[in-house]
Amino acid sequence: MITSHLSGEKITSTSTEAFSLFEKSRFGEKKNSKIEYSLVETLYLLQKNKLSILQNKKQIDFDALLKKVKRTDKRIETKLPVYTALRNRGYILKTALKFGADFRVYKKGIKPGQDHALWVLFCVREQENQTWYDFAAKNRVAHSTKKKLLIGIVDDESDVTFYEVSWVKP
């Protein structure tokens, strides 16, 4: 199990297990001789019992971290099931904040840096209203980044349905 530390909003680890998991599955990012995890990665790894988190020598469990994360990320309960569904299928997901999306998704077997992401992913709740303008904006982001648009729709039971959208020239 990887031991990590929470400081502010950053979760990091210097353990050899963290570096090994990074090399194998690209969890986290290498930063200043540490592995830094995103909040959604951390929650996923906690669910899988691959990570423990310490804050001031006190262990933090999944529920406590989720409560803390909800204060800064109101959409975490929408993003986590989508992230989990794709990670469980072997895809690597990284944040896509600079694209205005939730995640970049890489083909199976491709690691970030080896090739570009295949999809830009937006996570939405089934009961959320989406306008054609919202849809067009998402599609425009995907097109301008030369990626396919993937929408993960989360229902009330946290089941996820995925829709891929791409441009077609008739």
C-alpha atoms as a PDB file:
ATOM      1  CA  MET A   1       0.000   0.000   0.000  1.00  0.00           C
ATOM      2  CA  ILE A   2       1.175   3.510  -0.826  1.00  0.00           C
ATOM      3  CA  THR A   3       1.494   5.927   2.063  1.00  0.00           C
ATOM      4  CA  SER A   4       0.687   9.495   1.062  1.00  0.00           C
ATOM      5  CA  HIS A   5       0.413  12.820   2.845  1.00  0.00           C
ATOM      6  CA  LEU A   6      -2.234  15.502   2.628  1.00  0.00           C
ATOM      7  CA  SER A   7      -1.003  19.068   2.959  1.00  0.00           C
ATOM      8  CA  GLY A   8      -3.526  21.750   2.074  1.00  0.00           C
ATOM      9  CA  GLU A   9      -5.159  20.390  -1.063  1.00  0.00           C
ATOM     10  CA  LYS A  10      -2.126  18.408  -2.270  1.00  0.00           C
ATOM     11  CA  ILE A  11      -1.712  14.678  -1.815  1.00  0.00           C
ATOM     12  CA  THR A  12       1.844  13.464  -2.351  1.00  0.00           C
ATOM     13  CA  SER A  13       3.994  10.414  -1.761  1.00  0.00           C
ATOM     14  CA  THR A  14       7.704   9.705  -1.877  1.00  0.00           C
ATOM     15  CA  SER A  15       7.319   5.927  -1.438  1.00  0.00           C
ATOM     16  CA  THR A  16       8.870   3.507  -3.911  1.00  0.00           C
ATOM     17  CA  GLU A  17       5.389   1.979  -4.355  1.00  0.00           C
ATOM     18  CA  ALA A  18       4.089   5.350  -5.582  1.00  0.00           C
ATOM     19  CA  PHE A  19       6.855   5.625  -8.184  1.00  0.00           C
ATOM     20  CA  SER A  20       6.289   2.013  -9.223  1.00  0.00           C
ATOM     21  CA  LEU A  21       2.544   2.557  -9.706  1.00  0.00           C
ATOM     22  CA  PHE A  22       3.271   5.737 -11.649  1.00  0.00           C
ATOM     23  CA  GLU A  23       5.581   3.873 -14.042  1.00  0.00           C
ATOM     24  CA  LYS A  24       3.136   0.997 -14.444  1.00  0.00           C
ATOM     25  CA  SER A  25      -0.238   2.780 -14.616  1.00  0.00           C
ATOM     26  CA  ARG A  26       0.482   6.526 -14.627  1.00  0.00           C
ATOM     27  CA  PHE A  27      -1.290   7.325 -11.372  1.00  0.00           C
ATOM     28  CA  GLY A  28      -0.177  10.780 -10.245  1.00  0.00           C
ATOM     29  CA  GLU A  29       2.406  13.149 -11.680  1.00  0.00           C
ATOM     30  CA  LYS A  30       6.127  13.308 -10.923  1.00  0.00           C
ATOM     31  CA  LYS A  31       6.866  16.653  -9.284  1.00  0.00           C
ATOM     32  CA  ASN A  32      10.010  17.526  -7.332  1.00  0.00           C
ATOM     33  CA  SER A  33      10.982  13.935  -6.472  1.00  0.00           C
ATOM     34  CA  LYS A  34       7.424  13.187  -5.307  1.00  0.00           C
ATOM     35  CA  ILE A  35       4.333  11.743  -6.865  1.00  0.00           C
ATOM     36  CA  GLU A  36       1.442  14.208  -6.637  1.00  0.00           C
ATOM     37  CA  TYR A  37      -2.082  12.852  -6.966  1.00  0.00           C
ATOM     38  CA  SER A  38      -5.189  14.614  -8.180  1.00  0.00           C
ATOM     39  CA  LEU A  39      -8.156  14.501  -5.837  1.00  0.00           C
ATOM     40  CA  VAL A  40     -10.127  12.115  -8.034  1.00  0.00           C
ATOM     41  CA  GLU A  41      -7.104   9.784  -8.386  1.00  0.00           C
ATOM     42  CA  THR A  42      -6.710   9.776  -4.632  1.00  0.00           C
ATOM     43  CA  LEU A  43     -10.361   8.894  -4.041  1.00  0.00           C
ATOM     44  CA  TYR A  44     -10.115   6.112  -6.629  1.00  0.00           C
ATOM     45  CA  LEU A  45      -6.959   4.662  -5.078  1.00  0.00           C
ATOM     46  CA  LEU A  46      -8.539   4.845  -1.604  1.00  0.00           C
ATOM     47  CA  GLN A  47     -11.556   2.887  -2.892  1.00  0.00           C
ATOM     48  CA  LYS A  48      -9.187   0.257  -4.288  1.00  0.00           C
ATOM     49  CA  ASN A  49      -7.220   0.040  -0.999  1.00  0.00           C
ATOM     50  CA  LYS A  50      -3.991   0.951  -2.796  1.00  0.00           C
ATOM     51  CA  LEU A  51      -3.377   4.169  -0.888  1.00  0.00           C
ATOM     52  CA  SER A  52      -3.481   5.497   2.646  1.00  0.00           C
ATOM     53  CA  ILE A  53      -3.477   9.192   3.493  1.00  0.00           C
ATOM     54  CA  LEU A  54      -1.958  10.845   6.509  1.00  0.00           C
ATOM     55  CA  GLN A  55      -2.567  14.423   7.599  1.00  0.00           C
ATOM     56  CA  ASN A  56      -0.575  15.483  10.652  1.00  0.00           C
ATOM     57  CA  LYS A  57       0.087  11.791  11.450  1.00  0.00           C
ATOM     58  CA  LYS A  58      -3.662  11.059  11.449  1.00  0.00           C
ATOM     59  CA  GLN A  59      -5.128   8.671   8.866  1.00  0.00           C
ATOM     60  CA  ILE A  60      -7.901  10.014   6.643  1.00  0.00           C
ATOM     61  CA  ASP A  61     -10.489   7.611   5.244  1.00  0.00           C
ATOM     62  CA  PHE A  62     -12.501   7.803   2.029  1.00  0.00           C
ATOM     63  CA  ASP A  63     -15.570   9.481   3.554  1.00  0.00           C
ATOM     64  CA  ALA A  64     -13.524  12.154   5.330  1.00  0.00           C
ATOM     65  CA  LEU A  65     -11.578  12.955   2.166  1.00  0.00           C
ATOM     66  CA  LEU A  66     -14.743  13.011   0.037  1.00  0.00           C
ATOM     67  CA  LYS A  67     -16.322  15.486   2.464  1.00  0.00           C
ATOM     68  CA  LYS A  68     -13.203  17.662   2.272  1.00  0.00           C
ATOM     69  CA  VAL A  69     -13.028  17.457  -1.547  1.00  0.00           C
ATOM     70  CA  LYS A  70     -16.722  18.389  -1.932  1.00  0.00           C
ATOM     71  CA  ARG A  71     -15.933  21.796  -0.431  1.00  0.00           C
ATOM     72  CA  THR A  72     -13.641  22.665  -3.352  1.00  0.00           C
ATOM     73  CA  ASP A  73     -15.070  20.483  -6.125  1.00  0.00           C
ATOM     74  CA  LYS A  74     -18.869  20.487  -6.156  1.00  0.00           C
ATOM     75  CA  ARG A  75     -18.882  18.039  -9.086  1.00  0.00           C
ATOM     76  CA  ILE A  76     -16.669  15.333  -7.557  1.00  0.00           C
ATOM     77  CA  GLU A  77     -19.609  12.960  -7.080  1.00  0.00           C
ATOM     78  CA  THR A  78     -20.276  13.219 -10.822  1.00  0.00           C
ATOM     79  CA  LYS A  79     -16.633  12.895 -11.887  1.00  0.00           C
ATOM     80  CA  LEU A  80     -15.639  10.001  -9.606  1.00  0.00           C
ATOM     81  CA  PRO A  81     -18.025   7.357 -11.060  1.00  0.00           C
ATOM     82  CA  VAL A  82     -16.971   8.324 -14.599  1.00  0.00           C
ATOM     83  CA  TYR A  83     -13.290   8.178 -13.678  1.00  0.00           C
ATOM     84  CA  THR A  84     -13.792   4.844 -11.909  1.00  0.00           C
ATOM     85  CA  ALA A  85     -15.679   3.278 -14.825  1.00  0.00           C
ATOM     86  CA  LEU A  86     -12.924   4.090 -17.319  1.00  0.00           C
ATOM     87  CA  ARG A  87      -9.965   3.359 -15.013  1.00  0.00           C
ATOM     88  CA  ASN A  88     -11.504  -0.030 -14.197  1.00  0.00           C
ATOM     89  CA  ARG A  89     -11.515  -0.714 -17.955  1.00  0.00           C
ATOM     90  CA  GLY A  90      -7.802   0.084 -18.259  1.00  0.00           C
ATOM     91  CA  TYR A  91      -7.873   3.636 -19.613  1.00  0.00           C
ATOM     92  CA  ILE A  92      -5.587   6.355 -18.276  1.00  0.00           C
ATOM     93  CA  LEU A  93      -7.291   9.633 -17.414  1.00  0.00           C
ATOM     94  CA  LYS A  94      -5.638  12.944 -16.695  1.00  0.00           C
ATOM     95  CA  THR A  95      -7.144  16.330 -15.948  1.00  0.00           C
ATOM     96  CA  ALA A  96      -8.195  18.494 -18.878  1.00  0.00           C
ATOM     97  CA  LEU A  97      -8.649  21.754 -17.045  1.00  0.00           C
ATOM     98  CA  LYS A  98      -6.674  23.707 -19.630  1.00  0.00           C
ATOM     99  CA  PHE A  99      -9.121  22.432 -22.273  1.00  0.00           C
ATOM    100  CA  GLY A 100     -12.165  23.386 -20.208  1.00  0.00           C
ATOM    101  CA  ALA A 101     -13.102  19.715 -19.842  1.00  0.00           C
ATOM    102  CA  ASP A 102     -13.000  17.209 -16.992  1.00  0.00           C
ATOM    103  CA  PHE A 103     -10.484  14.666 -18.314  1.00  0.00           C
ATOM    104  CA  ARG A 104      -8.262  13.628 -21.187  1.00  0.00           C
ATOM    105  CA  VAL A 105      -8.578   9.909 -21.896  1.00  0.00           C
ATOM    106  CA  TYR A 106      -5.775   7.877 -23.449  1.00  0.00           C
ATOM    107  CA  LYS A 107      -6.181   4.690 -25.486  1.00  0.00           C
ATOM    108  CA  LYS A 108      -5.482   1.483 -23.624  1.00  0.00           C
ATOM    109  CA  GLY A 109      -1.757   0.815 -23.549  1.00  0.00           C
ATOM    110  CA  ILE A 110      -0.845   4.443 -24.278  1.00  0.00           C
ATOM    111  CA  LYS A 111       0.762   6.496 -21.542  1.00  0.00           C
ATOM    112  CA  PRO A 112       0.619  10.298 -21.457  1.00  0.00           C
ATOM    113  CA  GLY A 113       3.676  11.608 -23.222  1.00  0.00           C
ATOM    114  CA  GLN A 114       3.844   8.629 -25.612  1.00  0.00           C
ATOM    115  CA  ASP A 115       0.909   9.859 -27.678  1.00  0.00           C
ATOM    116  CA  HIS A 116      -1.949  12.339 -27.463  1.00  0.00           C
ATOM    117  CA  ALA A 117      -5.220  11.606 -25.704  1.00  0.00           C
ATOM    118  CA  LEU A 118      -7.949  10.093 -27.861  1.00  0.00           C
ATOM    119  CA  TRP A 119     -10.864  11.757 -26.080  1.00  0.00           C
ATOM    120  CA  VAL A 120     -11.703  14.878 -24.163  1.00  0.00           C
ATOM    121  CA  LEU A 121     -14.255  13.846 -21.530  1.00  0.00           C
ATOM    122  CA  PHE A 122     -17.100  15.795 -19.963  1.00  0.00           C
ATOM    123  CA  CYS A 123     -18.985  14.344 -16.988  1.00  0.00           C
ATOM    124  CA  VAL A 124     -22.649  15.236 -16.505  1.00  0.00           C
ATOM    125  CA  ARG A 125     -25.524  14.101 -14.298  1.00  0.00           C
ATOM    126  CA  GLU A 126     -28.516  12.547 -16.036  1.00  0.00           C
ATOM    127  CA  GLN A 127     -30.916  15.100 -14.542  1.00  0.00           C
ATOM    128  CA  GLU A 128     -28.801  18.136 -15.546  1.00  0.00           C
ATOM    129  CA  ASN A 129     -30.235  20.255 -18.312  1.00  0.00           C
ATOM    130  CA  GLN A 130     -27.881  20.527 -21.264  1.00  0.00           C
ATOM    131  CA  THR A 131     -28.674  22.966 -24.023  1.00  0.00           C
ATOM    132  CA  TRP A 132     -27.606  22.735 -27.631  1.00  0.00           C
ATOM    133  CA  TYR A 133     -25.214  25.585 -26.836  1.00  0.00           C
ATOM    134  CA  ASP A 134     -23.623  23.476 -24.069  1.00  0.00           C
ATOM    135  CA  PHE A 135     -23.320  20.552 -26.458  1.00  0.00           C
ATOM    136  CA  ALA A 136     -21.895  22.724 -29.257  1.00  0.00           C
ATOM    137  CA  ALA A 137     -19.339  24.233 -26.853  1.00  0.00           C
ATOM    138  CA  LYS A 138     -18.198  20.774 -25.723  1.00  0.00           C
ATOM    139  CA  ASN A 139     -17.964  19.594 -29.323  1.00  0.00           C
ATOM    140  CA  ARG A 140     -15.991  22.708 -30.280  1.00  0.00           C
ATOM    141  CA  VAL A 141     -13.473  22.069 -27.466  1.00  0.00           C
ATOM    142  CA  ALA A 142     -12.975  18.499 -28.663  1.00  0.00           C
ATOM    143  CA  HIS A 143     -12.619  19.556 -32.296  1.00  0.00           C
ATOM    144  CA  SER A 144     -10.157  22.373 -31.545  1.00  0.00           C
ATOM    145  CA  THR A 145      -7.975  20.006 -29.482  1.00  0.00           C
ATOM    146  CA  LYS A 146      -8.086  17.343 -32.232  1.00  0.00           C
ATOM    147  CA  LYS A 147      -9.778  14.833 -29.953  1.00  0.00           C
ATOM    148  CA  LYS A 148     -13.062  13.012 -30.001  1.00  0.00           C
ATOM    149  CA  LEU A 149     -15.747  14.161 -27.607  1.00  0.00           C
ATOM    150  CA  LEU A 150     -16.706  11.669 -24.904  1.00  0.00           C
ATOM    151  CA  ILE A 151     -19.606  12.407 -22.590  1.00  0.00           C
ATOM    152  CA  GLY A 152     -20.064  10.337 -19.440  1.00  0.00           C
ATOM    153  CA  ILE A 153     -23.625  10.543 -18.122  1.00  0.00           C
ATOM    154  CA  VAL A 154     -24.106   9.512 -14.500  1.00  0.00           C
ATOM    155  CA  ASP A 155     -27.554   8.343 -13.367  1.00  0.00           C
ATOM    156  CA  ASP A 156     -29.044   8.373  -9.860  1.00  0.00           C
ATOM    157  CA  GLU A 157     -27.467   4.994  -9.049  1.00  0.00           C
ATOM    158  CA  SER A 158     -24.039   6.306 -10.163  1.00  0.00           C
ATOM    159  CA  ASP A 159     -24.058   4.050 -13.232  1.00  0.00           C
ATOM    160  CA  VAL A 160     -22.347   5.645 -16.225  1.00  0.00           C
ATOM    161  CA  THR A 161     -23.307   5.641 -19.883  1.00  0.00           C
ATOM    162  CA  PHE A 162     -20.777   6.928 -22.402  1.00  0.00           C
ATOM    163  CA  TYR A 163     -21.458   8.685 -25.687  1.00  0.00           C
ATOM    164  CA  GLU A 164     -18.736   9.412 -28.216  1.00  0.00           C
ATOM    165  CA  VAL A 165     -19.285  12.298 -30.600  1.00  0.00           C
ATOM    166  CA  SER A 166     -17.123  12.979 -33.611  1.00  0.00           C
ATOM    167  CA  TRP A 167     -17.254  15.142 -36.703  1.00  0.00           C
ATOM    168  CA  VAL A 168     -18.321  13.581 -39.978  1.00  0.00           C
ATOM    169  CA  LYS A 169     -17.723  15.064 -43.404  1.00  0.00           C
ATOM    170  CA  PRO A 170     -20.481  13.865 -45.760  1.00  0.00           C
END
